């Protein structure tokens, strides 16, 4: 099996390649990116005879498709919508099977802050998503869309819970990457960068769809906030969460639910700090005049705050999941819950976010290479990895010490 990793010089790309290097069936791992020096550094870090370097720009469709010819499956770890969609376009035209860990749902992209996404002339976002889907189906391509942590593990667990119920009613997926408590101390927003922070701020600022009262409703990000206690896996911590655009596929694949939203988990106090930034206008992407120069407030904020949010020696992150799925089972009202509290492996220089995002993408690519995923077109995780595949997938997670606890509680 030969697997090509796009964006292999980044942290998530390295995590994917690291995991693939340990799989016996994978004989070749392509590392594709724009800069040879960064790819060579990644290859040196991986220290695997399986790796091959490919230098290509995501805007160069021919170069991308030429690289694809030598591989069975691809994994997209690219950081924004411009690069993600450029790759999607090239892959479906080539009939190439691949998984994408970033975009929430290419079939129905959200409408705001496109991050440089280039639409074909006279095409809407929905029309483009449908074209990608139909082109993939026509060319026999499986495009597993959004398989990492969230989207990804959150989709698989919630999707499995919904299938177990005799009647599904509503669900909330709560997920997030946070610094460990010690690393959060003294940091702005009690936050540490584990993912492209520009993309995080985008998700704080856009509007998105959720299901509410059985209807698709557009809401502002960071609404419907909750404070909850996480008390599993030997942990007892109060956390907060708010709606973000992390799993919109469920709006379209599970429209029968009375309520569905994905919410991002943070330490208490984070969102009040974000509120202040919003009120001051510094999350805006509309330029303002400063001493006669056009300045984009959010770009200035990123320049100032990112150095303070980067991990330092001794810092560690945590990835948390707390999903609740409500419905009827055996004539009783129940809530199926999923709990995960993941920390980095001290033996390997990979963050928890790298583990729970990169490793599921790698596992999915291997599943695809083995022919375990049959669906064609754009396929969200909940409709690609379920039933026996989910059991096998969960076994692979446990081998990597990613442990998800499921509980079922009767609602009196």
Protein backbone atom coordinates (compact mmCIF):
# COMPACT_ATOMS: atom_id res chain seq x y z
CA UNK A 1 0.00 0.00 0.00
CA UNK A 2 1.33 3.43 -0.98
CA UNK A 3 0.01 6.57 0.74
CA UNK A 4 0.74 10.21 -0.12
CA UNK A 5 0.61 12.85 2.64
CA UNK A 6 -0.14 16.40 1.45
CA UNK A 7 1.30 19.09 3.75
CA UNK A 8 3.71 16.57 5.22
CA UNK A 9 6.08 19.24 6.56
CA UNK A 10 3.48 20.49 9.08
CA UNK A 11 2.79 19.07 12.54
CA UNK A 12 -0.36 17.20 11.49
CA UNK A 13 1.29 15.86 8.35
CA UNK A 14 4.20 14.56 10.40
CA UNK A 15 1.82 12.86 12.83
CA UNK A 16 0.06 11.11 9.93
CA UNK A 17 3.34 9.97 8.37
CA UNK A 18 4.68 8.81 11.76
CA UNK A 19 1.65 6.59 12.25
CA UNK A 20 1.75 5.22 8.70
CA UNK A 21 5.42 4.32 9.06
CA UNK A 22 4.47 1.83 11.78
CA UNK A 23 1.91 0.00 9.60
CA UNK A 24 3.34 -3.10 7.96
CA UNK A 25 1.01 -2.93 4.95
CA UNK A 26 2.24 0.57 4.09
CA UNK A 27 5.34 0.17 1.92
CA UNK A 28 5.71 3.76 0.67
CA UNK A 29 4.88 7.14 2.24
CA UNK A 30 5.00 10.19 0.01
CA UNK A 31 5.74 13.53 1.69
CA UNK A 32 4.38 16.37 -0.44
CA UNK A 33 4.78 20.08 0.22
CA UNK A 34 6.05 23.35 -1.24
CA UNK A 35 9.50 23.48 0.38
CA UNK A 36 12.10 20.79 -0.11
CA UNK A 37 14.09 21.81 2.97
CA UNK A 38 11.05 21.43 5.23
CA UNK A 39 10.21 18.06 3.69
CA UNK A 40 13.78 16.86 4.11
CA UNK A 41 13.64 17.90 7.77
CA UNK A 42 10.37 15.97 8.19
CA UNK A 43 11.88 12.90 6.49
CA UNK A 44 14.92 13.08 8.76
CA UNK A 45 12.67 13.27 11.83
CA UNK A 46 10.60 10.28 10.62
CA UNK A 47 13.76 8.25 9.95
CA UNK A 48 11.87 5.70 7.83
CA UNK A 49 13.09 4.05 4.61
CA UNK A 50 9.49 4.21 3.35
CA UNK A 51 9.49 7.99 2.76
CA UNK A 52 9.75 9.70 -0.63
CA UNK A 53 9.76 13.50 -1.09
CA UNK A 54 7.55 15.35 -3.62
CA UNK A 55 7.87 19.12 -4.03
CA UNK A 56 4.69 20.66 -5.43
CA UNK A 57 2.41 23.66 -4.95
CA UNK A 58 -1.28 23.02 -4.32
CA UNK A 59 -2.14 25.49 -7.10
CA UNK A 60 -0.25 23.30 -9.60
CA UNK A 61 -2.94 20.76 -10.48
CA UNK A 62 -0.76 18.84 -12.94
CA UNK A 63 2.03 18.43 -10.39
CA UNK A 64 -0.46 17.20 -7.78
CA UNK A 65 -2.05 14.73 -10.17
CA UNK A 66 1.35 13.48 -11.36
CA UNK A 67 2.31 12.77 -7.75
CA UNK A 68 -0.99 10.95 -7.14
CA UNK A 69 -0.24 8.44 -9.91
CA UNK A 70 2.27 6.60 -7.76
CA UNK A 71 -0.06 6.11 -4.77
CA UNK A 72 -3.19 4.25 -3.72
CA UNK A 73 -4.52 6.80 -1.20
CA UNK A 74 -3.81 10.39 -0.15
CA UNK A 75 -4.17 12.25 3.15
CA UNK A 76 -4.79 16.01 3.15
CA UNK A 77 -3.36 17.82 6.19
CA UNK A 78 -3.37 21.27 4.58
CA UNK A 79 -4.22 24.21 6.86
CA UNK A 80 -6.83 26.31 5.02
CA UNK A 81 -9.73 26.20 2.59
CA UNK A 82 -7.76 27.50 -0.39
CA UNK A 83 -5.27 24.63 -0.33
CA UNK A 84 -7.82 22.03 0.80
CA UNK A 85 -10.20 22.76 -2.07
CA UNK A 86 -7.39 23.00 -4.65
CA UNK A 87 -6.37 19.49 -3.66
CA UNK A 88 -9.97 18.24 -3.60
CA UNK A 89 -10.50 19.53 -7.12
CA UNK A 90 -7.35 17.83 -8.42
CA UNK A 91 -8.10 14.55 -6.62
CA UNK A 92 -11.69 14.04 -7.75
CA UNK A 93 -10.79 14.85 -11.35
CA UNK A 94 -8.04 12.21 -11.16
CA UNK A 95 -10.33 9.63 -9.52
CA UNK A 96 -7.93 9.53 -6.56
CA UNK A 97 -9.02 8.14 -3.17
CA UNK A 98 -8.12 10.36 -0.26
CA UNK A 99 -9.02 11.64 3.18
CA UNK A 100 -9.12 15.28 4.33
CA UNK A 101 -8.78 16.20 8.00
CA UNK A 102 -9.53 19.94 7.79
CA UNK A 103 -12.68 21.05 6.05
CA UNK A 104 -15.88 20.33 7.92
CA UNK A 105 -17.95 19.29 4.88
CA UNK A 106 -16.87 20.06 1.32
CA UNK A 107 -20.30 18.99 0.00
CA UNK A 108 -21.96 21.91 1.81
CA UNK A 109 -19.24 24.47 2.60
CA UNK A 110 -20.13 27.27 4.98
CA UNK A 111 -20.49 30.69 3.44
CA UNK A 112 -18.06 32.91 5.29
CA UNK A 113 -14.35 33.80 5.33
CA UNK A 114 -13.30 31.59 2.43
CA UNK A 115 -9.56 31.74 3.23
CA UNK A 116 -8.72 32.21 -0.43
CA UNK A 117 -10.92 29.39 -1.72
CA UNK A 118 -11.23 29.88 -5.50
CA UNK A 119 -14.61 29.02 -6.96
CA UNK A 120 -14.97 28.19 -10.66
CA UNK A 121 -16.55 31.08 -12.62
CA UNK A 122 -20.31 31.56 -12.14
CA UNK A 123 -20.45 28.87 -9.44
CA UNK A 124 -21.92 29.03 -5.94
CA UNK A 125 -20.39 27.23 -2.98
CA UNK A 126 -23.17 24.63 -2.92
CA UNK A 127 -22.87 24.08 -6.66
CA UNK A 128 -19.12 23.60 -6.31
CA UNK A 129 -19.63 21.11 -3.48
CA UNK A 130 -22.10 19.13 -5.58
CA UNK A 131 -19.70 19.22 -8.55
CA UNK A 132 -16.90 17.82 -6.37
CA UNK A 133 -19.24 15.08 -5.12
CA UNK A 134 -20.59 14.10 -8.53
CA UNK A 135 -17.16 14.23 -10.17
CA UNK A 136 -15.75 11.98 -7.46
CA UNK A 137 -18.60 9.49 -7.95
CA UNK A 138 -18.22 9.55 -11.74
CA UNK A 139 -14.48 8.90 -11.50
CA UNK A 140 -14.75 6.24 -8.79
CA UNK A 141 -13.11 8.35 -6.09
CA UNK A 142 -13.79 7.98 -2.38
CA UNK A 143 -13.33 11.35 -0.67
CA UNK A 144 -13.53 10.82 3.11
CA UNK A 145 -14.28 14.32 4.26
CA UNK A 146 -13.24 15.59 7.69
CA UNK A 147 -11.50 12.75 9.49
CA UNK A 148 -9.34 13.81 12.39
CA UNK A 149 -10.51 14.84 15.84
CA UNK A 150 -13.38 17.24 15.13
CA UNK A 151 -14.48 16.60 12.51
CA UNK A 152 -13.53 12.95 12.79
CA UNK A 153 -13.66 11.09 16.10
CA UNK A 154 -16.59 13.28 17.13
CA UNK A 155 -18.49 12.19 13.99
CA UNK A 156 -17.72 8.50 14.48
CA UNK A 157 -18.77 8.36 18.14
CA UNK A 158 -21.92 10.42 17.68
CA UNK A 159 -22.81 8.52 14.51
CA UNK A 160 -22.42 5.20 16.33
CA UNK A 161 -24.57 6.38 19.24
CA UNK A 162 -27.34 7.50 16.90
CA UNK A 163 -27.34 4.11 15.16
CA UNK A 164 -27.69 2.29 18.49
CA UNK A 165 -30.87 4.14 19.45
CA UNK A 166 -34.33 2.93 18.47
CA UNK A 167 -35.26 6.59 18.10
CA UNK A 168 -32.68 9.36 18.01
CA UNK A 169 -33.77 12.74 19.35
CA UNK A 170 -30.84 15.13 19.77
CA UNK A 171 -27.08 15.25 20.18
CA UNK A 172 -24.28 17.61 21.15
CA UNK A 173 -20.63 16.91 20.36
CA UNK A 174 -18.21 18.76 22.66
CA UNK A 175 -14.57 18.63 21.62
CA UNK A 176 -11.46 20.74 21.99
CA UNK A 177 -7.72 20.99 22.31
CA UNK A 178 -6.57 22.90 25.40
CA UNK A 179 -3.25 23.37 27.21
CA UNK A 180 -2.82 21.25 30.31
CA UNK A 181 -3.75 23.21 33.41
CA UNK A 182 -0.15 24.12 34.24
CA UNK A 183 0.56 25.28 30.66
CA UNK A 184 -2.62 27.40 30.65
CA UNK A 185 -1.46 29.48 33.61
CA UNK A 186 -0.42 33.00 32.64
CA UNK A 187 -1.18 32.53 28.95
CA UNK A 188 -3.51 34.94 27.10
CA UNK A 189 -6.97 33.37 26.77
CA UNK A 190 -5.72 30.32 28.74
CA UNK A 191 -4.87 28.89 25.35
CA UNK A 192 -1.94 27.25 23.57
CA UNK A 193 -1.63 26.79 19.80
CA UNK A 194 -2.09 23.17 18.69
CA UNK A 195 -3.70 23.98 15.34
CA UNK A 196 -3.50 26.85 12.84
CA UNK A 197 -4.63 29.75 15.07
CA UNK A 198 -5.82 31.85 12.13
CA UNK A 199 -8.30 29.06 11.35
CA UNK A 200 -9.38 28.93 15.01
CA UNK A 201 -10.17 32.67 14.98
CA UNK A 202 -12.10 32.22 11.76
CA UNK A 203 -14.27 29.61 13.46
CA UNK A 204 -14.93 32.04 16.33
CA UNK A 205 -16.14 34.75 13.97
CA UNK A 206 -18.37 33.17 11.32
CA UNK A 207 -22.04 32.25 11.19
CA UNK A 208 -22.97 28.60 10.83
CA UNK A 209 -25.90 26.21 10.71
CA UNK A 210 -27.12 23.99 13.53
CA UNK A 211 -30.32 22.00 13.99
CA UNK A 212 -32.70 23.68 16.41
CA UNK A 213 -36.33 22.66 17.02
CA UNK A 214 -35.91 20.27 14.11
CA UNK A 215 -34.96 23.03 11.67
CA UNK A 216 -31.74 24.14 10.02
CA UNK A 217 -31.00 27.52 11.63
CA UNK A 218 -28.14 29.95 11.05
CA UNK A 219 -26.52 31.13 14.28
CA UNK A 220 -23.41 33.12 15.24
CA UNK A 221 -20.37 31.16 16.39
CA UNK A 222 -19.87 30.92 20.16
CA UNK A 223 -23.58 30.85 21.00
CA UNK A 224 -25.34 28.24 23.21
CA UNK A 225 -22.50 28.20 25.75
CA UNK A 226 -22.29 25.61 28.49
CA UNK A 227 -20.25 24.96 31.59
CA UNK A 228 -19.87 21.27 32.45
CA UNK A 229 -17.89 18.94 34.68
CA UNK A 230 -15.60 16.37 33.06
CA UNK A 231 -15.29 13.58 35.61
CA UNK A 232 -14.04 10.49 33.78
CA UNK A 233 -10.59 8.99 33.04
CA UNK A 234 -9.46 10.01 36.56
CA UNK A 235 -10.10 13.70 35.82
CA UNK A 236 -12.33 16.20 37.61
CA UNK A 237 -12.32 19.55 35.79
CA UNK A 238 -14.85 22.28 35.07
CA UNK A 239 -14.80 23.27 31.38
CA UNK A 240 -16.76 25.49 29.03
CA UNK A 241 -17.89 25.07 25.44
CA UNK A 242 -19.61 27.06 22.70
CA UNK A 243 -21.00 26.37 19.23
CA UNK A 244 -18.47 26.33 16.37
CA UNK A 245 -18.60 25.03 12.76
CA UNK A 246 -16.87 21.71 13.44
CA UNK A 247 -19.30 19.01 12.23
CA UNK A 248 -21.86 20.47 9.81
CA UNK A 249 -22.30 17.21 7.90
CA UNK A 250 -24.82 16.10 10.54
CA UNK A 251 -27.11 18.98 9.58
CA UNK A 252 -27.54 17.23 6.22
CA UNK A 253 -26.98 13.55 7.05
CA UNK A 254 -29.11 13.47 10.24
CA UNK A 255 -31.82 16.12 9.63
CA UNK A 256 -34.34 14.17 11.75
CA UNK A 257 -32.67 15.36 14.98
CA UNK A 258 -34.49 18.04 16.97
CA UNK A 259 -31.15 19.60 18.00
CA UNK A 260 -27.59 19.10 16.87
CA UNK A 261 -24.50 21.25 17.35
CA UNK A 262 -20.77 20.83 17.72
CA UNK A 263 -19.21 22.86 20.52
CA UNK A 264 -15.55 23.65 21.12
CA UNK A 265 -14.19 23.04 24.64
CA UNK A 266 -11.98 25.61 26.40
CA UNK A 267 -10.89 26.45 29.94
CA UNK A 268 -13.27 28.81 31.81
CA UNK A 269 -12.46 32.42 31.01
CA UNK A 270 -11.34 31.78 27.43
CA UNK A 271 -14.57 32.82 25.77
CA UNK A 272 -15.03 35.95 27.88
CA UNK A 273 -11.59 37.01 26.64
CA UNK A 274 -12.61 36.31 23.05
CA UNK A 275 -15.78 38.38 23.64
CA UNK A 276 -13.63 41.33 24.65
CA UNK A 277 -11.49 40.99 21.52
CA UNK A 278 -14.65 40.88 19.41
CA UNK A 279 -16.11 43.95 21.11
CA UNK A 280 -12.88 45.85 20.46
CA UNK A 281 -13.03 44.92 16.78
CA UNK A 282 -9.67 43.13 16.68
CA UNK A 283 -11.13 39.91 15.23
CA UNK A 284 -12.37 41.80 12.17
CA UNK A 285 -10.82 41.13 8.76
CA UNK A 286 -11.94 44.52 7.42
CA UNK A 287 -8.91 46.85 7.10
CA UNK A 288 -8.71 50.02 9.18
CA UNK A 289 -6.49 53.07 8.69
CA UNK A 290 -3.53 53.38 11.09
CA UNK A 291 -1.23 56.33 10.41
CA UNK A 292 -2.30 56.29 6.80
CA UNK A 293 -1.72 52.53 6.36
CA UNK A 294 -4.38 49.85 5.86
CA UNK A 295 -4.15 47.34 8.70
CA UNK A 296 -6.26 44.17 9.07
CA UNK A 297 -7.07 43.98 12.81
CA UNK A 298 -7.01 40.19 13.00
CA UNK A 299 -3.64 39.98 11.24
CA UNK A 300 -2.21 42.46 13.73
CA UNK A 301 -3.66 40.45 16.63
CA UNK A 302 -2.14 37.25 15.24
CA UNK A 303 1.26 38.91 14.93
CA UNK A 304 1.08 40.07 18.55
CA UNK A 305 -0.50 37.07 20.24
CA UNK A 306 0.79 34.00 18.40
CA UNK A 307 4.31 34.15 19.92
CA UNK A 308 2.72 34.16 23.39
CA UNK A 309 0.54 31.14 22.58
CA UNK A 310 3.17 28.83 21.12
CA UNK A 311 4.20 25.79 23.13
CA UNK A 312 7.43 26.11 25.08
CA UNK A 313 9.73 23.52 26.60
CA UNK A 314 7.77 21.48 29.13
CA UNK A 315 4.33 22.51 27.85
CA UNK A 316 1.71 19.87 27.07
CA UNK A 317 -1.74 19.89 25.52
CA UNK A 318 -4.90 17.90 26.24
CA UNK A 319 -7.65 16.88 23.83
CA UNK A 320 -11.07 16.51 25.41
CA UNK A 321 -14.30 15.00 24.11
CA UNK A 322 -17.64 14.87 25.88
CA UNK A 323 -20.50 13.93 23.56
CA UNK A 324 -24.12 13.38 24.61
CA UNK A 325 -26.66 11.65 22.37
CA UNK A 326 -30.26 11.40 23.52
CA UNK A 327 -33.09 9.13 22.39
CA UNK A 328 -35.10 6.01 23.08
CA UNK A 329 -33.59 2.54 23.53
CA UNK A 330 -35.66 -0.49 24.53
CA UNK A 331 -38.61 1.72 25.39
CA UNK A 332 -36.56 3.88 27.78
CA UNK A 333 -35.19 7.41 27.45
CA UNK A 334 -31.41 7.22 27.51
CA UNK A 335 -28.31 9.33 26.99
CA UNK A 336 -25.26 7.74 25.36
CA UNK A 337 -22.10 9.61 26.37
CA UNK A 338 -18.57 9.51 25.00
CA UNK A 339 -15.65 10.73 27.10
CA UNK A 340 -12.01 11.19 26.05
CA UNK A 341 -9.13 12.91 27.85
CA UNK A 342 -5.98 12.47 25.78
CA UNK A 343 -2.46 13.65 26.57
CA UNK A 344 0.79 13.47 24.57
CA UNK A 345 2.97 10.37 24.51
CA UNK A 346 6.08 11.42 26.48
CA UNK A 347 8.27 9.12 24.35
CA UNK A 348 7.35 10.84 21.07
CA UNK A 349 7.44 14.52 20.09
CA UNK A 350 3.81 14.56 18.94
CA UNK A 351 1.15 16.64 20.68
CA UNK A 352 -2.16 15.22 21.81
CA UNK A 353 -3.77 17.20 18.97
CA UNK A 354 -1.37 15.51 16.55
CA UNK A 355 -2.31 12.10 17.98
CA UNK A 356 -6.09 12.46 17.90
CA UNK A 357 -6.13 14.30 14.56
CA UNK A 358 -3.27 12.69 12.64
CA UNK A 359 -3.65 9.09 13.79
CA UNK A 360 -7.38 8.77 12.85
CA UNK A 361 -6.58 10.20 9.40
CA UNK A 362 -3.78 7.64 8.99
CA UNK A 363 -6.01 4.76 10.15
CA UNK A 364 -8.72 5.88 7.71
CA UNK A 365 -6.24 5.98 4.82
CA UNK A 366 -5.16 2.41 5.60
CA UNK A 367 -8.81 1.32 5.79
CA UNK A 368 -9.35 2.90 2.39
CA UNK A 369 -6.27 1.18 0.99
CA UNK A 370 -7.60 -2.15 2.26
CA UNK A 371 -10.93 -1.56 0.54
CA UNK A 372 -12.91 -1.41 3.79
CA UNK A 373 -14.62 1.85 2.77
CA UNK A 374 -16.84 1.25 -0.24
CA UNK A 375 -18.77 4.52 -0.63
CA UNK A 376 -17.92 6.87 -3.50
CA UNK A 377 -18.12 10.64 -3.76
CA UNK A 378 -17.81 13.00 -0.78
CA UNK A 379 -18.49 10.81 2.24
CA UNK A 380 -18.64 12.20 5.81
CA UNK A 381 -17.03 10.03 8.53
CA UNK A 382 -20.33 8.97 10.10
CA UNK A 383 -21.38 7.33 6.83
CA UNK A 384 -18.00 5.77 5.97
CA UNK A 385 -16.78 4.20 9.22
CA UNK A 386 -19.60 2.48 11.12
CA UNK A 387 -20.70 -0.95 12.26
CA UNK A 388 -17.84 -3.46 11.97
CA UNK A 389 -15.54 -0.77 10.56
CA UNK A 390 -16.07 1.36 13.68
CA UNK A 391 -15.25 -1.61 15.92
CA UNK A 392 -12.02 -2.21 13.99
CA UNK A 393 -11.24 1.53 14.01
CA UNK A 394 -11.75 1.77 17.78
CA UNK A 395 -9.41 -1.20 18.27
CA UNK A 396 -6.77 0.68 16.28
CA UNK A 397 -7.28 3.76 18.48
CA UNK A 398 -6.76 1.68 21.62
CA UNK A 399 -3.49 0.30 20.21
CA UNK A 400 -2.35 3.94 20.08
CA UNK A 401 -3.57 4.56 23.65
CA UNK A 402 -6.44 6.77 22.45
CA UNK A 403 -9.22 5.62 24.74
CA UNK A 404 -12.85 6.68 24.37
CA UNK A 405 -15.18 5.69 27.20
CA UNK A 406 -18.84 5.07 26.29
CA UNK A 407 -21.54 5.15 28.97
CA UNK A 408 -25.31 4.70 28.69
CA UNK A 409 -27.51 6.38 31.29
CA UNK A 410 -31.25 6.07 31.67
CA UNK A 411 -33.04 9.43 31.84
CA UNK A 412 -35.68 9.30 34.58
